Protein backbone atom coordinates (compact mmCIF):
# COMPACT_ATOMS: atom_id res chain seq x y z
CA UNK A 1 0.15 -0.23 -0.34
CA UNK A 2 1.24 3.35 -0.79
CA UNK A 3 2.52 5.72 2.25
CA UNK A 4 1.05 7.90 -0.34
CA UNK A 5 -2.27 7.69 -0.68
CA UNK A 6 -2.86 5.34 3.14
CA UNK A 7 -2.07 5.57 6.39
CA UNK A 8 -1.48 3.86 10.28
CA UNK A 9 -3.89 5.14 12.06
CA UNK A 10 -4.66 4.93 16.04
CA UNK A 11 -7.75 3.70 17.44
CA UNK A 12 -10.60 5.79 15.79
CA UNK A 13 -13.09 4.90 18.70
CA UNK A 14 -11.36 5.83 21.87
CA UNK A 15 -7.23 6.97 21.11
CA UNK A 16 -6.18 3.52 21.65
CA UNK A 17 -3.04 2.64 20.48
CA UNK A 18 -2.37 -1.51 21.50
CA UNK A 19 -4.17 -2.70 18.09
CA UNK A 20 -3.84 -6.58 17.41
CA UNK A 21 -4.03 -7.61 13.72
CA UNK A 22 -7.57 -8.71 13.12
CA UNK A 23 -7.84 -9.96 9.37
CA UNK A 24 -5.80 -9.87 6.17
CA UNK A 25 -6.46 -10.30 2.72
CA UNK A 26 -5.38 -9.41 -1.06
CA UNK A 27 -7.42 -7.48 -3.06
CA UNK A 28 -8.14 -10.67 -6.03
CA UNK A 29 -9.97 -12.56 -3.28
CA UNK A 30 -12.46 -9.71 -2.90
CA UNK A 31 -15.82 -10.14 -5.20
CA UNK A 32 -16.29 -6.27 -6.86
CA UNK A 33 -17.62 -5.14 -9.34
CA UNK A 34 -15.86 -4.61 -12.72
CA UNK A 35 -16.40 -1.55 -13.38
CA UNK A 36 -14.86 -0.33 -10.24
CA UNK A 37 -10.76 0.57 -10.83
CA UNK A 38 -8.74 1.56 -7.31
CA UNK A 39 -5.49 1.56 -9.61
CA UNK A 40 -5.86 5.48 -8.78
CA UNK A 41 -3.91 4.99 -5.20
CA UNK A 42 -1.80 2.10 -6.29
CA UNK A 43 -3.64 -0.79 -5.15
CA UNK A 44 -3.76 -4.54 -7.45
CA UNK A 45 -4.75 -7.67 -7.25
CA UNK A 46 -2.23 -8.23 -5.38
CA UNK A 47 -2.72 -5.37 -2.55
CA UNK A 48 -3.10 -6.48 0.43
CA UNK A 49 -5.57 -5.00 2.77
CA UNK A 50 -4.98 -5.63 6.67
CA UNK A 51 -7.93 -5.27 9.72
CA UNK A 52 -7.20 -4.07 13.30
CA UNK A 53 -9.23 -4.72 16.24
CA UNK A 54 -8.57 -2.46 19.11
CA UNK A 55 -7.38 -3.91 22.11
CA UNK A 56 -9.31 -1.91 24.29
CA UNK A 57 -12.78 -0.77 23.42
CA UNK A 58 -12.95 -3.53 20.18
CA UNK A 59 -13.16 -1.90 17.46
CA UNK A 60 -12.07 -3.35 14.55
CA UNK A 61 -11.27 -1.08 11.25
CA UNK A 62 -9.57 -1.05 8.22
CA UNK A 63 -6.30 -0.61 8.82
CA UNK A 64 -4.05 1.87 6.96
CA UNK A 65 -6.83 3.60 5.38
CA UNK A 66 -7.14 5.51 2.25
CA UNK A 67 -6.45 9.39 3.86
CA UNK A 68 -8.79 11.64 3.80
CA UNK A 69 -7.56 13.82 1.57
CA UNK A 70 -8.44 11.22 -1.25
CA UNK A 71 -10.61 10.16 -0.20
CA UNK A 72 -13.08 11.52 -3.53
CA UNK A 73 -11.18 8.95 -5.91
CA UNK A 74 -12.70 6.20 -4.15
CA UNK A 75 -15.96 7.49 -4.33
CA UNK A 76 -15.53 9.21 -7.79
CA UNK A 77 -12.74 8.43 -9.92
CA UNK A 78 -13.03 4.90 -9.03
CA UNK A 79 -16.14 4.77 -10.55
CA UNK A 80 -15.94 6.01 -13.32
CA UNK A 81 -16.25 3.11 -15.79
CA UNK A 82 -20.02 2.31 -13.30
CA UNK A 83 -22.21 4.83 -14.49
CA UNK A 84 -21.14 4.32 -17.94
CA UNK A 85 -24.18 3.28 -20.86
CA UNK A 86 -26.37 1.45 -17.52
CA UNK A 87 -30.69 2.39 -17.65
CA UNK A 88 -30.87 2.49 -14.26
CA UNK A 89 -28.77 5.50 -13.92
CA UNK A 90 -31.02 7.80 -16.67
CA UNK A 91 -34.02 9.39 -15.61
CA UNK A 92 -36.35 8.86 -17.48
CA UNK A 93 -35.77 5.06 -18.14
CA UNK A 94 -38.22 1.99 -17.63
CA UNK A 95 -35.04 0.17 -16.40
CA UNK A 96 -34.35 3.08 -13.72
CA UNK A 97 -38.10 2.86 -12.46
CA UNK A 98 -37.34 -0.37 -11.29
CA UNK A 99 -34.51 0.37 -9.37
CA UNK A 100 -36.21 3.58 -7.99
CA UNK A 101 -38.89 1.27 -6.69
CA UNK A 102 -37.90 -1.51 -5.55
CA UNK A 103 -35.13 1.09 -3.41
CA UNK A 104 -38.05 2.90 -2.84
CA UNK A 105 -39.84 -0.12 -1.14
CA UNK A 106 -36.37 -1.62 0.21
CA UNK A 107 -35.85 1.59 2.24
CA UNK A 108 -40.13 2.72 3.90
CA UNK A 109 -38.71 0.39 6.50
CA UNK A 110 -36.99 3.54 7.71
CA UNK A 111 -39.76 5.36 8.16
CA UNK A 112 -41.59 3.67 11.26
CA UNK A 113 -38.81 2.45 12.38
CA UNK A 114 -38.19 6.59 13.02
CA UNK A 115 -41.45 7.81 13.60
CA UNK A 116 -42.63 5.79 16.13
CA UNK A 117 -40.19 8.00 18.48
CA UNK A 118 -41.77 11.72 17.15
CA UNK A 119 -45.04 13.39 17.09
CA UNK A 120 -46.19 12.13 13.28
CA UNK A 121 -48.47 15.52 12.90
CA UNK A 122 -45.00 17.40 14.49
CA UNK A 123 -42.98 20.38 11.06
CA UNK A 124 -40.22 17.44 10.76
CA UNK A 125 -36.92 17.96 9.06
CA UNK A 126 -34.94 15.62 8.17
CA UNK A 127 -30.90 14.83 6.25
CA UNK A 128 -30.49 11.92 4.33
CA UNK A 129 -26.52 11.70 5.47
CA UNK A 130 -24.65 9.74 2.14
CA UNK A 131 -27.51 10.32 0.19
CA UNK A 132 -26.69 7.70 -2.55
CA UNK A 133 -29.09 7.75 -5.06
CA UNK A 134 -32.10 10.25 -2.97
CA UNK A 135 -34.79 7.35 -2.37
CA UNK A 136 -34.87 8.18 1.42
CA UNK A 137 -34.97 11.65 0.03
CA UNK A 138 -38.13 10.94 -2.14
CA UNK A 139 -39.97 8.58 -0.59
CA UNK A 140 -39.48 11.66 2.75
CA UNK A 141 -41.20 14.15 0.71
CA UNK A 142 -43.87 12.18 -0.43
CA UNK A 143 -44.41 11.95 3.38
CA UNK A 144 -44.93 15.23 3.81
CA UNK A 145 -41.53 15.85 5.58
CA UNK A 146 -38.52 18.27 4.41
CA UNK A 147 -36.01 16.59 3.80
CA UNK A 148 -31.93 17.32 2.72
CA UNK A 149 -28.87 14.84 1.14
CA UNK A 150 -25.47 15.17 1.72
CA UNK A 151 -23.31 13.02 -0.53
CA UNK A 152 -19.38 13.31 -1.72
CA UNK A 153 -20.13 11.17 -5.00
CA UNK A 154 -20.44 13.52 -7.63
CA UNK A 155 -22.23 11.78 -9.93
CA UNK A 156 -25.47 11.02 -7.43
CA UNK A 157 -25.59 14.26 -6.68
CA UNK A 158 -26.31 15.54 -10.36
CA UNK A 159 -29.17 12.73 -10.15
CA UNK A 160 -30.95 14.10 -8.07
CA UNK A 161 -30.86 17.20 -8.72
CA UNK A 162 -32.10 15.95 -12.25
CA UNK A 163 -34.69 14.00 -10.04
CA UNK A 164 -35.10 18.21 -7.97
CA UNK A 165 -33.89 16.97 -4.43
CA UNK A 166 -32.29 19.40 -2.43
CA UNK A 167 -29.28 17.67 -2.70
CA UNK A 168 -24.87 18.81 -1.73
CA UNK A 169 -21.31 18.17 -1.76
CA UNK A 170 -20.63 18.30 2.28
CA UNK A 171 -18.36 22.10 2.15
CA UNK A 172 -21.62 22.78 0.45
CA UNK A 173 -24.14 21.36 3.10
CA UNK A 174 -21.82 23.68 5.06
CA UNK A 175 -21.53 27.49 3.65
CA UNK A 176 -25.67 26.54 3.61
CA UNK A 177 -26.21 25.15 6.69
CA UNK A 178 -24.07 25.85 9.29
CA UNK A 179 -25.79 26.04 12.36
CA UNK A 180 -29.69 24.04 11.53
CA UNK A 181 -30.54 21.28 13.45
CA UNK A 182 -32.36 18.36 11.69
CA UNK A 183 -35.15 15.78 13.74
CA UNK A 184 -34.05 12.70 11.69
CA UNK A 185 -31.17 12.52 10.91
CA UNK A 186 -30.45 8.56 9.09
CA UNK A 187 -27.12 6.96 7.91
CA UNK A 188 -28.09 4.85 5.85
CA UNK A 189 -25.40 1.87 5.05
CA UNK A 190 -22.81 5.31 5.36
CA UNK A 191 -20.99 4.48 8.54
CA UNK A 192 -18.76 1.65 7.24
CA UNK A 193 -17.39 4.21 4.65
CA UNK A 194 -16.12 6.90 6.84
CA UNK A 195 -12.84 7.97 6.75
CA UNK A 196 -12.79 9.71 9.73
CA UNK A 197 -15.11 9.12 12.04
CA UNK A 198 -14.44 11.89 14.12
CA UNK A 199 -15.02 13.73 11.43
CA UNK A 200 -18.48 12.01 11.75
CA UNK A 201 -19.44 12.30 15.27
CA UNK A 202 -18.51 16.63 14.91
CA UNK A 203 -20.59 17.00 12.83
CA UNK A 204 -23.67 15.04 13.90
CA UNK A 205 -23.45 16.81 17.05
CA UNK A 206 -23.76 20.09 14.56
CA UNK A 207 -26.85 18.85 13.14
CA UNK A 208 -28.31 18.16 16.01
CA UNK A 209 -30.57 18.77 18.93
CA UNK A 210 -31.82 17.50 22.33
CA UNK A 211 -34.65 14.20 21.06
CA UNK A 212 -33.10 14.32 17.48
CA UNK A 213 -33.68 10.58 16.79
CA UNK A 214 -30.83 9.11 14.33
CA UNK A 215 -30.88 5.75 12.75
CA UNK A 216 -28.36 4.34 11.32
CA UNK A 217 -26.93 0.63 10.06
CA UNK A 218 -23.81 -1.12 8.54
CA UNK A 219 -21.98 -4.19 9.36
CA UNK A 220 -20.42 -6.32 11.93
CA UNK A 221 -16.93 -7.60 13.02
CA UNK A 222 -19.08 -10.90 12.78
CA UNK A 223 -19.84 -10.70 8.99
CA UNK A 224 -16.19 -10.67 7.99
CA UNK A 225 -16.18 -14.55 9.37
CA UNK A 226 -19.45 -15.43 8.07
CA UNK A 227 -17.91 -14.19 4.66
CA UNK A 228 -14.09 -16.23 5.22
CA UNK A 229 -15.44 -18.80 5.99
CA UNK A 230 -18.32 -18.40 2.26
CA UNK A 231 -14.54 -18.01 0.71
CA UNK A 232 -16.71 -15.59 -0.66
CA UNK A 233 -15.93 -11.32 -0.22
CA UNK A 234 -18.69 -9.33 -1.28
CA UNK A 235 -20.75 -7.28 1.91
CA UNK A 236 -17.03 -7.03 3.15
CA UNK A 237 -15.16 -5.02 1.44
CA UNK A 238 -11.69 -3.47 2.77
CA UNK A 239 -11.65 -0.54 0.95
CA UNK A 240 -15.12 0.85 1.19
CA UNK A 241 -16.36 -0.86 4.46
CA UNK A 242 -13.27 0.08 6.90
CA UNK A 243 -15.28 -0.28 10.24
CA UNK A 244 -17.09 -2.74 11.71
CA UNK A 245 -18.32 -2.15 14.96
CA UNK A 246 -19.58 -4.21 17.42
CA UNK A 247 -23.19 -3.16 18.96
CA UNK A 248 -21.18 -1.97 22.61
CA UNK A 249 -18.35 0.34 21.15
CA UNK A 250 -21.77 1.60 17.97
CA UNK A 251 -22.59 2.65 21.65
CA UNK A 252 -20.13 3.99 23.29
CA UNK A 253 -18.80 5.82 19.96
CA UNK A 254 -22.04 7.82 19.67
CA UNK A 255 -22.35 8.15 23.13
CA UNK A 256 -19.79 10.70 23.01
CA UNK A 257 -21.92 13.24 21.10
CA UNK A 258 -24.53 12.45 23.12
CA UNK A 259 -26.68 9.75 21.99
CA UNK A 260 -28.17 6.96 23.68
CA UNK A 261 -30.32 3.64 21.93
CA UNK A 262 -33.76 3.85 22.42
CA UNK A 263 -34.53 1.70 24.89
CA UNK A 264 -36.93 0.14 23.39
CA UNK A 265 -37.93 -1.22 19.41
CA UNK A 266 -41.62 0.05 18.36
CA UNK A 267 -43.23 -2.47 16.29
CA UNK A 268 -46.90 -2.77 14.80
CA UNK A 269 -48.95 -5.20 14.65
CA UNK A 270 -53.12 -5.37 14.02
CA UNK A 271 -52.40 -1.69 13.91
CA UNK A 272 -51.18 -0.79 17.78
CA UNK A 273 -47.74 -0.48 18.69
CA UNK A 274 -45.71 -2.68 20.60
CA UNK A 275 -42.71 -2.29 22.73
CA UNK A 276 -40.43 -4.63 22.71
CA UNK A 277 -37.62 -4.48 25.46
CA UNK A 278 -33.82 -3.47 23.08
CA UNK A 279 -32.12 -6.91 25.42
CA UNK A 280 -35.13 -8.69 23.87
CA UNK A 281 -35.49 -8.05 20.82
CA UNK A 282 -31.06 -8.07 19.80
CA UNK A 283 -31.62 -12.33 21.56
CA UNK A 284 -34.60 -12.49 19.28
CA UNK A 285 -32.82 -11.80 16.21
CA UNK A 286 -29.97 -13.71 14.09
CA UNK A 287 -26.12 -12.47 13.38
CA UNK A 288 -26.21 -11.34 10.42
CA UNK A 289 -23.81 -9.52 10.08
CA UNK A 290 -25.33 -6.58 10.06
CA UNK A 291 -26.66 -3.45 13.22
CA UNK A 292 -30.02 -1.80 12.78
CA UNK A 293 -30.21 1.42 14.87
CA UNK A 294 -31.60 3.88 16.32
CA UNK A 295 -31.06 6.69 18.27
CA UNK A 296 -31.76 9.85 20.61
CA UNK A 297 -30.46 12.84 21.82
CA UNK A 298 -29.47 13.63 25.05
């Protein structure tokens, strides 16, 4: 790994420097979309990607990882061929309609999970961090929720703007909305990508207020072991997916910005809200290698 593009870091959760090797693998063993090209970062089939675990807080993370100043290469230059001649990414095509419908159906369940913790009759503002193709923003608009998106992928930002969605790059958002806060914050499959976790947490802190609801999902260290047993690495992708949280480690990390996990999970049965203790809900679920969490700003 070229030092120009990659760096070793201490644990970004507790700042501990006592680390142990958790896993390593050659880039060529990962299953990736053929259109992705990381050669701009000096990565080739034989490049060894390494994963560390903090002996203190048990956080598992890719180390070394791409330097913050080169993050844009991962999500822009490396993906230049990904969107070429693809009808699904061309607004107005039949393929695009089907693509958008499928994704909206997949993400729709996020809304009842968040809205169960607020008064749905209140005027609400939502910020989607890593808004991608704007599916969550579109759903929020249909529910009458003011929504804004932030992303670093230039193609996806342009796509969202074609749909008339209000989206910004991180620097544009800071210029336009510095000092403003949101009732609902969505981080759908985002935190595993974050290069600078401390910067991410500071940002979450800056745009939240008392009783803000935060939706987070991502990947756990179990996913690495699971895909290793299968001999096929799909979601444990150690160029883009660099953070693997245990629930307890994530709770500790989010507490630094005043967020506490919801004590109950609310499900709907026969149109009635049923409150299930969070610990019981966790026990009932099998290990999948993924987490989904609701946090409330205290």
